[in-house]
Amino acid sequence: MKIIYLSIRFPLVILHIVIGLIILIFFPSNVYNLKPIHHKISYYWMKVLVKLFGLNIIKYGEIDLSAKSYVSNHISFFDIIILNSLIPSNFIAKSEIKSWPIIGHLAAKTGTIFIKRGDINDNDKVINIIKKYISLDKKVFIFPEGRIGDGKNIRKFHSKMFNAICNTNNNSQPVFIRYPVNFPSNIESDDLMCWSDKSQTLFNISLRCMCKRSTNVIIYFGNSIKCNKPAYDLAKLTFQGVCNSINNIK
């Protein structure tokens, strides 16, 4: 069955990516000029990609569409595909992704914000971009752990990026994501889906998903938090919100 699933899905994924690249020709070169229609197109394109990879989303909680930002733990590059298939939004990603063949181009043209890890000056630049996006009524996803986690433990949220959303009347919603070993009997994180293991790559994880009938993904949307707080407090509250989500999964 693995060969059958792969033989069907692999060419469809390639075709879908080619279609995406063609569509991007008609996207504006300046990401600030991206309109709601462009985000909707990305949203539906991601929805199809989720199906082609055989990803089965198990959603808990309600999405707060009034929120301007969402704060999530981070396990895999698939996180972006899955979350963007639920909410038309922009993401913060490490700058290395911009140089990836095809993927980097797709990310850059759809408004991904690239950050150079450890570069203080670049952090300030990214914060200003996030503020600009929110002022243009765009939604932004923040992964504040600093680097990809192991899916089992959630690292402390760094407060730096929260300077982009703090001390406002906007809402921010905590989001928890996990790829369970065998839902619902075993909801522990599947090591084979986590990029914290340096042996894992986008290609081999993609093949693994395409060879399976389905890959379950748990997404928990917690209670939104008002951003009228300092960055440190907001980081602490959203961290607690994400951690508490684990206890509410059945």
C-alpha atoms as a PDB file:
ATOM      1  CA  MET A   1       0.000   0.000   0.000  1.00  0.00           C
ATOM      2  CA  LYS A   2       2.874   2.386   0.682  1.00  0.00           C
ATOM      3  CA  ILE A   3       3.978   2.284  -2.943  1.00  0.00           C
ATOM      4  CA  ILE A   4       0.407   2.852  -4.136  1.00  0.00           C
ATOM      5  CA  TYR A   5      -0.092   5.895  -1.912  1.00  0.00           C
ATOM      6  CA  LEU A   6       3.296   7.313  -2.925  1.00  0.00           C
ATOM      7  CA  SER A   7       2.769   6.708  -6.665  1.00  0.00           C
ATOM      8  CA  ILE A   8      -0.519   8.619  -6.522  1.00  0.00           C
ATOM      9  CA  ARG A   9       0.429  11.446  -4.186  1.00  0.00           C
ATOM     10  CA  PHE A  10       3.976  12.281  -5.282  1.00  0.00           C
ATOM     11  CA  PRO A  11       3.129  13.410  -8.847  1.00  0.00           C
ATOM     12  CA  LEU A  12       0.061  15.284  -7.558  1.00  0.00           C
ATOM     13  CA  VAL A  13       2.196  17.159  -5.016  1.00  0.00           C
ATOM     14  CA  ILE A  14       4.684  18.105  -7.754  1.00  0.00           C
ATOM     15  CA  LEU A  15       1.836  19.275 -10.007  1.00  0.00           C
ATOM     16  CA  HIS A  16       0.301  21.281  -7.165  1.00  0.00           C
ATOM     17  CA  ILE A  17       3.634  22.992  -6.458  1.00  0.00           C
ATOM     18  CA  VAL A  18       4.024  23.872 -10.151  1.00  0.00           C
ATOM     19  CA  ILE A  19       0.511  25.362 -10.140  1.00  0.00           C
ATOM     20  CA  GLY A  20       1.460  27.352  -7.043  1.00  0.00           C
ATOM     21  CA  LEU A  21       4.552  28.757  -8.748  1.00  0.00           C
ATOM     22  CA  ILE A  22       2.470  29.811 -11.752  1.00  0.00           C
ATOM     23  CA  ILE A  23      -0.099  31.509  -9.510  1.00  0.00           C
ATOM     24  CA  LEU A  24       2.678  33.431  -7.741  1.00  0.00           C
ATOM     25  CA  ILE A  25       3.552  35.154 -11.028  1.00  0.00           C
ATOM     26  CA  PHE A  26       0.403  37.217 -10.503  1.00  0.00           C
ATOM     27  CA  PHE A  27       1.195  38.090  -6.877  1.00  0.00           C
ATOM     28  CA  PRO A  28       2.604  41.598  -6.184  1.00  0.00           C
ATOM     29  CA  SER A  29       6.379  41.846  -5.805  1.00  0.00           C
ATOM     30  CA  ASN A  30       5.971  43.977  -2.678  1.00  0.00           C
ATOM     31  CA  VAL A  31       4.532  41.770   0.092  1.00  0.00           C
ATOM     32  CA  TYR A  32       2.944  44.815   1.757  1.00  0.00           C
ATOM     33  CA  ASN A  33       0.653  44.987  -1.276  1.00  0.00           C
ATOM     34  CA  LEU A  34      -0.728  41.495  -0.735  1.00  0.00           C
ATOM     35  CA  LYS A  35      -4.519  41.736  -0.523  1.00  0.00           C
ATOM     36  CA  PRO A  36      -7.010  39.457   1.290  1.00  0.00           C
ATOM     37  CA  ILE A  37      -7.610  37.659  -2.016  1.00  0.00           C
ATOM     38  CA  HIS A  38      -3.915  36.684  -2.170  1.00  0.00           C
ATOM     39  CA  HIS A  39      -4.037  35.282   1.361  1.00  0.00           C
ATOM     40  CA  LYS A  40      -7.236  33.406   0.477  1.00  0.00           C
ATOM     41  CA  ILE A  41      -5.522  31.841  -2.526  1.00  0.00           C
ATOM     42  CA  SER A  42      -2.609  30.727  -0.309  1.00  0.00           C
ATOM     43  CA  TYR A  43      -5.126  29.443   2.237  1.00  0.00           C
ATOM     44  CA  TYR A  44      -6.917  27.192  -0.270  1.00  0.00           C
ATOM     45  CA  TRP A  45      -3.636  26.122  -1.876  1.00  0.00           C
ATOM     46  CA  MET A  46      -2.434  24.975   1.552  1.00  0.00           C
ATOM     47  CA  LYS A  47      -5.712  23.133   2.164  1.00  0.00           C
ATOM     48  CA  VAL A  48      -5.154  21.075  -0.971  1.00  0.00           C
ATOM     49  CA  LEU A  49      -1.527  20.440  -0.006  1.00  0.00           C
ATOM     50  CA  VAL A  50      -2.648  19.141   3.400  1.00  0.00           C
ATOM     51  CA  LYS A  51      -4.917  16.625   1.639  1.00  0.00           C
ATOM     52  CA  LEU A  52      -2.206  15.552  -0.784  1.00  0.00           C
ATOM     53  CA  PHE A  53       0.189  14.811   2.063  1.00  0.00           C
ATOM     54  CA  GLY A  54      -2.523  12.809   3.830  1.00  0.00           C
ATOM     55  CA  LEU A  55      -2.526  15.070   6.889  1.00  0.00           C
ATOM     56  CA  ASN A  56      -5.593  14.565   9.088  1.00  0.00           C
ATOM     57  CA  ILE A  57      -6.190  17.612  11.296  1.00  0.00           C
ATOM     58  CA  ILE A  58      -7.811  16.954  14.671  1.00  0.00           C
ATOM     59  CA  LYS A  59      -8.911  20.366  15.900  1.00  0.00           C
ATOM     60  CA  TYR A  60      -9.798  21.337  19.463  1.00  0.00           C
ATOM     61  CA  GLY A  61     -11.129  24.713  20.538  1.00  0.00           C
ATOM     62  CA  GLU A  62     -12.331  27.577  18.396  1.00  0.00           C
ATOM     63  CA  ILE A  63     -10.235  29.815  16.180  1.00  0.00           C
ATOM     64  CA  ASP A  64     -10.408  33.446  17.256  1.00  0.00           C
ATOM     65  CA  LEU A  65     -10.663  35.167  13.891  1.00  0.00           C
ATOM     66  CA  SER A  66     -10.603  38.558  15.626  1.00  0.00           C
ATOM     67  CA  ALA A  67      -7.057  37.885  16.859  1.00  0.00           C
ATOM     68  CA  LYS A  68      -4.226  39.661  15.083  1.00  0.00           C
ATOM     69  CA  SER A  69      -1.561  37.203  16.221  1.00  0.00           C
ATOM     70  CA  TYR A  70      -1.271  33.530  17.083  1.00  0.00           C
ATOM     71  CA  VAL A  71       1.462  32.008  19.226  1.00  0.00           C
ATOM     72  CA  SER A  72       2.404  28.354  18.780  1.00  0.00           C
ATOM     73  CA  ASN A  73       4.986  25.740  19.633  1.00  0.00           C
ATOM     74  CA  HIS A  74       6.978  24.591  16.603  1.00  0.00           C
ATOM     75  CA  ILE A  75       7.829  21.032  15.583  1.00  0.00           C
ATOM     76  CA  SER A  76       8.081  20.765  11.820  1.00  0.00           C
ATOM     77  CA  PHE A  77       7.949  22.724   8.584  1.00  0.00           C
ATOM     78  CA  PHE A  78       4.547  21.066   8.156  1.00  0.00           C
ATOM     79  CA  ASP A  79       3.329  23.300  11.011  1.00  0.00           C
ATOM     80  CA  ILE A  80       3.218  26.243   8.606  1.00  0.00           C
ATOM     81  CA  ILE A  81       1.295  24.316   5.949  1.00  0.00           C
ATOM     82  CA  ILE A  82      -1.248  23.037   8.470  1.00  0.00           C
ATOM     83  CA  LEU A  83      -1.788  26.293  10.342  1.00  0.00           C
ATOM     84  CA  ASN A  84      -2.024  28.292   7.116  1.00  0.00           C
ATOM     85  CA  SER A  85      -4.702  25.867   5.898  1.00  0.00           C
ATOM     86  CA  LEU A  86      -6.776  26.891   8.924  1.00  0.00           C
ATOM     87  CA  ILE A  87      -6.042  30.624   9.095  1.00  0.00           C
ATOM     88  CA  PRO A  88      -4.905  32.870   6.212  1.00  0.00           C
ATOM     89  CA  SER A  89      -1.829  34.339   7.869  1.00  0.00           C
ATOM     90  CA  ASN A  90       1.853  35.204   7.699  1.00  0.00           C
ATOM     91  CA  PHE A  91       4.660  33.379   9.488  1.00  0.00           C
ATOM     92  CA  ILE A  92       8.076  34.132  10.906  1.00  0.00           C
ATOM     93  CA  ALA A  93      10.670  31.668   9.627  1.00  0.00           C
ATOM     94  CA  LYS A  94      14.438  31.318   9.868  1.00  0.00           C
ATOM     95  CA  SER A  95      16.276  33.159   7.099  1.00  0.00           C
ATOM     96  CA  GLU A  96      17.837  29.941   5.745  1.00  0.00           C
ATOM     97  CA  ILE A  97      14.447  28.881   4.358  1.00  0.00           C
ATOM     98  CA  LYS A  98      14.514  31.804   1.929  1.00  0.00           C
ATOM     99  CA  SER A  99      17.400  30.122   0.085  1.00  0.00           C
ATOM    100  CA  TRP A 100      15.650  26.739  -0.201  1.00  0.00           C
ATOM    101  CA  PRO A 101      14.798  25.819  -3.805  1.00  0.00           C
ATOM    102  CA  ILE A 102      11.105  26.409  -4.629  1.00  0.00           C
ATOM    103  CA  ILE A 103      10.017  26.419  -0.956  1.00  0.00           C
ATOM    104  CA  GLY A 104      11.928  29.623  -0.279  1.00  0.00           C
ATOM    105  CA  HIS A 105      10.347  31.332  -3.271  1.00  0.00           C
ATOM    106  CA  LEU A 106       6.853  30.213  -2.273  1.00  0.00           C
ATOM    107  CA  ALA A 107       7.389  31.460   1.274  1.00  0.00           C
ATOM    108  CA  ALA A 108       8.864  34.822   0.272  1.00  0.00           C
ATOM    109  CA  LYS A 109       6.152  35.662  -2.270  1.00  0.00           C
ATOM    110  CA  THR A 110       3.332  34.903   0.173  1.00  0.00           C
ATOM    111  CA  GLY A 111       4.600  37.262   2.866  1.00  0.00           C
ATOM    112  CA  THR A 112       6.712  35.083   5.163  1.00  0.00           C
ATOM    113  CA  ILE A 113       8.874  37.176   7.482  1.00  0.00           C
ATOM    114  CA  PHE A 114      12.439  35.872   7.587  1.00  0.00           C
ATOM    115  CA  ILE A 115      14.574  36.274  10.689  1.00  0.00           C
ATOM    116  CA  LYS A 116      18.299  35.803  11.278  1.00  0.00           C
ATOM    117  CA  ARG A 117      18.529  33.927  14.556  1.00  0.00           C
ATOM    118  CA  GLY A 118      20.787  35.594  17.096  1.00  0.00           C
ATOM    119  CA  ASP A 119      20.994  38.873  15.159  1.00  0.00           C
ATOM    120  CA  ILE A 120      19.743  41.629  17.500  1.00  0.00           C
ATOM    121  CA  ASN A 121      19.503  44.215  14.718  1.00  0.00           C
ATOM    122  CA  ASP A 122      17.491  41.826  12.575  1.00  0.00           C
ATOM    123  CA  ASN A 123      15.139  41.149  15.496  1.00  0.00           C
ATOM    124  CA  ASP A 124      14.240  44.831  15.610  1.00  0.00           C
ATOM    125  CA  LYS A 125      13.653  44.828  11.854  1.00  0.00           C
ATOM    126  CA  VAL A 126      11.322  41.810  12.122  1.00  0.00           C
ATOM    127  CA  ILE A 127       9.403  43.433  14.993  1.00  0.00           C
ATOM    128  CA  ASN A 128       8.761  46.482  12.813  1.00  0.00           C
ATOM    129  CA  ILE A 129       7.598  44.295   9.930  1.00  0.00           C
ATOM    130  CA  ILE A 130       5.151  42.455  12.213  1.00  0.00           C
ATOM    131  CA  LYS A 131       3.766  45.784  13.432  1.00  0.00           C
ATOM    132  CA  LYS A 132       3.391  46.913   9.822  1.00  0.00           C
ATOM    133  CA  TYR A 133       1.585  43.707   8.879  1.00  0.00           C
ATOM    134  CA  ILE A 134      -0.836  44.034  11.791  1.00  0.00           C
ATOM    135  CA  SER A 135      -1.488  47.691  10.915  1.00  0.00           C
ATOM    136  CA  LEU A 136      -2.459  46.439   7.434  1.00  0.00           C
ATOM    137  CA  ASP A 137      -4.954  44.042   9.085  1.00  0.00           C
ATOM    138  CA  LYS A 138      -2.845  40.957   8.389  1.00  0.00           C
ATOM    139  CA  LYS A 139      -2.599  38.054  10.841  1.00  0.00           C
ATOM    140  CA  VAL A 140       0.784  36.820  12.046  1.00  0.00           C
ATOM    141  CA  PHE A 141       1.918  33.490  13.540  1.00  0.00           C
ATOM    142  CA  ILE A 142       4.796  33.613  16.025  1.00  0.00           C
ATOM    143  CA  PHE A 143       6.933  30.622  17.040  1.00  0.00           C
ATOM    144  CA  PRO A 144       8.659  32.036  20.142  1.00  0.00           C
ATOM    145  CA  GLU A 145      10.637  28.967  21.288  1.00  0.00           C
ATOM    146  CA  GLY A 146      13.620  30.150  19.263  1.00  0.00           C
ATOM    147  CA  ARG A 147      14.132  26.854  17.462  1.00  0.00           C
ATOM    148  CA  ILE A 148      12.201  23.734  16.513  1.00  0.00           C
ATOM    149  CA  GLY A 149      11.219  21.597  19.493  1.00  0.00           C
ATOM    150  CA  ASP A 150      11.062  17.847  20.024  1.00  0.00           C
ATOM    151  CA  GLY A 151       7.265  17.750  20.232  1.00  0.00           C
ATOM    152  CA  LYS A 152       7.357  16.514  23.820  1.00  0.00           C
ATOM    153  CA  ASN A 153       8.526  19.518  25.794  1.00  0.00           C
ATOM    154  CA  ILE A 154       7.693  23.142  25.101  1.00  0.00           C
ATOM    155  CA  ARG A 155      10.643  25.460  25.578  1.00  0.00           C
ATOM    156  CA  LYS A 156      10.389  28.802  27.310  1.00  0.00           C
ATOM    157  CA  PHE A 157       8.953  31.495  25.051  1.00  0.00           C
ATOM    158  CA  HIS A 158      11.422  34.275  24.278  1.00  0.00           C
ATOM    159  CA  SER A 159       9.770  37.625  24.874  1.00  0.00           C
ATOM    160  CA  LYS A 160      11.622  39.598  22.156  1.00  0.00           C
ATOM    161  CA  MET A 161       9.075  39.024  19.368  1.00  0.00           C
ATOM    162  CA  PHE A 162       6.216  39.902  21.709  1.00  0.00           C
ATOM    163  CA  ASN A 163       7.383  43.522  21.523  1.00  0.00           C
ATOM    164  CA  ALA A 164       5.618  43.560  18.150  1.00  0.00           C
ATOM    165  CA  ILE A 165       2.200  42.785  19.636  1.00  0.00           C
ATOM    166  CA  CYS A 166       2.322  43.932  23.294  1.00  0.00           C
ATOM    167  CA  ASN A 167       0.625  46.963  24.870  1.00  0.00           C
ATOM    168  CA  THR A 168      -2.251  46.983  22.376  1.00  0.00           C
ATOM    169  CA  ASN A 169      -5.952  46.148  22.548  1.00  0.00           C
ATOM    170  CA  ASN A 170      -5.572  43.290  20.061  1.00  0.00           C
ATOM    171  CA  ASN A 171      -6.021  39.626  20.924  1.00  0.00           C
ATOM    172  CA  SER A 172      -3.373  36.909  20.636  1.00  0.00           C
ATOM    173  CA  GLN A 173      -4.395  33.239  20.646  1.00  0.00           C
ATOM    174  CA  PRO A 174      -2.172  30.417  21.988  1.00  0.00           C
ATOM    175  CA  VAL A 175      -2.030  27.369  19.707  1.00  0.00           C
ATOM    176  CA  PHE A 176      -0.676  23.901  20.512  1.00  0.00           C
ATOM    177  CA  ILE A 177       0.390  21.490  17.771  1.00  0.00           C
ATOM    178  CA  ARG A 178       1.475  17.841  17.984  1.00  0.00           C
ATOM    179  CA  TYR A 179       1.851  14.838  15.666  1.00  0.00           C
ATOM    180  CA  PRO A 180       0.685  11.914  17.848  1.00  0.00           C
ATOM    181  CA  VAL A 181       2.108   8.404  17.578  1.00  0.00           C
ATOM    182  CA  ASN A 182      -1.305   6.777  17.280  1.00  0.00           C
ATOM    183  CA  PHE A 183      -4.360   8.932  17.961  1.00  0.00           C
ATOM    184  CA  PRO A 184      -6.378   8.486  20.158  1.00  0.00           C
ATOM    185  CA  SER A 185      -4.728   5.530  21.924  1.00  0.00           C
ATOM    186  CA  ASN A 186      -1.318   7.210  22.112  1.00  0.00           C
ATOM    187  CA  ILE A 187      -1.135  10.985  21.844  1.00  0.00           C
ATOM    188  CA  GLU A 188       2.583  11.201  22.660  1.00  0.00           C
ATOM    189  CA  SER A 189       4.648  13.017  20.053  1.00  0.00           C
ATOM    190  CA  ASP A 190       5.917  10.981  17.108  1.00  0.00           C
ATOM    191  CA  ASP A 191       9.714  11.432  16.992  1.00  0.00           C
ATOM    192  CA  LEU A 192       9.748  10.724  13.260  1.00  0.00           C
ATOM    193  CA  MET A 193       7.820  13.933  12.580  1.00  0.00           C
ATOM    194  CA  CYS A 194      10.041  16.210  14.663  1.00  0.00           C
ATOM    195  CA  TRP A 195      12.848  18.205  13.102  1.00  0.00           C
ATOM    196  CA  SER A 196      14.787  18.569  16.315  1.00  0.00           C
ATOM    197  CA  ASP A 197      16.352  15.266  15.242  1.00  0.00           C
ATOM    198  CA  LYS A 198      18.988  16.439  12.748  1.00  0.00           C
ATOM    199  CA  SER A 199      18.589  13.222  10.716  1.00  0.00           C
ATOM    200  CA  GLN A 200      15.098  14.339   9.660  1.00  0.00           C
ATOM    201  CA  THR A 201      14.694  16.403   6.492  1.00  0.00           C
ATOM    202  CA  LEU A 202      11.784  17.967   4.654  1.00  0.00           C
ATOM    203  CA  PHE A 203      12.132  15.356   1.926  1.00  0.00           C
ATOM    204  CA  ASN A 204      12.137  12.217   4.077  1.00  0.00           C
ATOM    205  CA  ILE A 205       9.303  13.442   6.305  1.00  0.00           C
ATOM    206  CA  SER A 206       7.299  14.324   3.192  1.00  0.00           C
ATOM    207  CA  LEU A 207       7.864  10.854   1.740  1.00  0.00           C
ATOM    208  CA  ARG A 208       6.900   9.240   5.031  1.00  0.00           C
ATOM    209  CA  CYS A 209       3.590  11.112   5.046  1.00  0.00           C
ATOM    210  CA  MET A 210       2.838  10.366   1.409  1.00  0.00           C
ATOM    211  CA  CYS A 211       3.436   6.656   1.990  1.00  0.00           C
ATOM    212  CA  LYS A 212       0.886   6.475   4.811  1.00  0.00           C
ATOM    213  CA  ARG A 213      -2.876   6.435   4.498  1.00  0.00           C
ATOM    214  CA  SER A 214      -2.993   9.410   6.859  1.00  0.00           C
ATOM    215  CA  THR A 215      -0.902  11.294   9.396  1.00  0.00           C
ATOM    216  CA  ASN A 216      -2.784  12.715  12.368  1.00  0.00           C
ATOM    217  CA  VAL A 217      -2.098  16.241  13.587  1.00  0.00           C
ATOM    218  CA  ILE A 218      -3.538  17.646  16.806  1.00  0.00           C
ATOM    219  CA  ILE A 219      -4.229  21.384  16.876  1.00  0.00           C
ATOM    220  CA  TYR A 220      -5.567  22.999  20.031  1.00  0.00           C
ATOM    221  CA  PHE A 221      -6.730  26.625  19.979  1.00  0.00           C
ATOM    222  CA  GLY A 222      -6.670  28.025  23.505  1.00  0.00           C
ATOM    223  CA  ASN A 223      -8.362  31.030  25.022  1.00  0.00           C
ATOM    224  CA  SER A 224      -7.268  34.317  23.519  1.00  0.00           C
ATOM    225  CA  ILE A 225      -5.235  36.745  25.579  1.00  0.00           C
ATOM    226  CA  LYS A 226      -5.540  40.523  25.473  1.00  0.00           C
ATOM    227  CA  CYS A 227      -2.246  42.067  24.402  1.00  0.00           C
ATOM    228  CA  ASN A 228      -2.487  45.080  26.732  1.00  0.00           C
ATOM    229  CA  LYS A 229       0.505  43.838  28.696  1.00  0.00           C
ATOM    230  CA  PRO A 230       4.310  44.118  28.557  1.00  0.00           C
ATOM    231  CA  ALA A 231       6.120  41.677  26.262  1.00  0.00           C
ATOM    232  CA  TYR A 232       7.484  39.546  29.109  1.00  0.00           C
ATOM    233  CA  ASP A 233       4.027  39.055  30.658  1.00  0.00           C
ATOM    234  CA  LEU A 234       2.485  38.271  27.295  1.00  0.00           C
ATOM    235  CA  ALA A 235       5.170  35.674  26.578  1.00  0.00           C
ATOM    236  CA  LYS A 236       4.567  34.048  29.952  1.00  0.00           C
ATOM    237  CA  LEU A 237       0.764  33.963  29.557  1.00  0.00           C
ATOM    238  CA  THR A 238       0.814  32.548  26.034  1.00  0.00           C
ATOM    239  CA  PHE A 239       3.361  29.937  27.125  1.00  0.00           C
ATOM    240  CA  GLN A 240       1.024  28.849  29.907  1.00  0.00           C
ATOM    241  CA  GLY A 241      -1.860  28.818  27.436  1.00  0.00           C
ATOM    242  CA  VAL A 242      -0.014  26.498  25.051  1.00  0.00           C
ATOM    243  CA  CYS A 243       1.172  24.200  27.866  1.00  0.00           C
ATOM    244  CA  ASN A 244      -2.298  23.981  29.405  1.00  0.00           C
ATOM    245  CA  SER A 245      -3.713  22.825  26.084  1.00  0.00           C
ATOM    246  CA  ILE A 246      -1.960  19.472  26.488  1.00  0.00           C
ATOM    247  CA  ASN A 247      -4.147  18.630  29.488  1.00  0.00           C
ATOM    248  CA  ASN A 248      -7.330  19.289  27.508  1.00  0.00           C
ATOM    249  CA  ILE A 249      -6.651  16.772  24.737  1.00  0.00           C
ATOM    250  CA  LYS A 250      -8.634  13.546  24.941  1.00  0.00           C
END
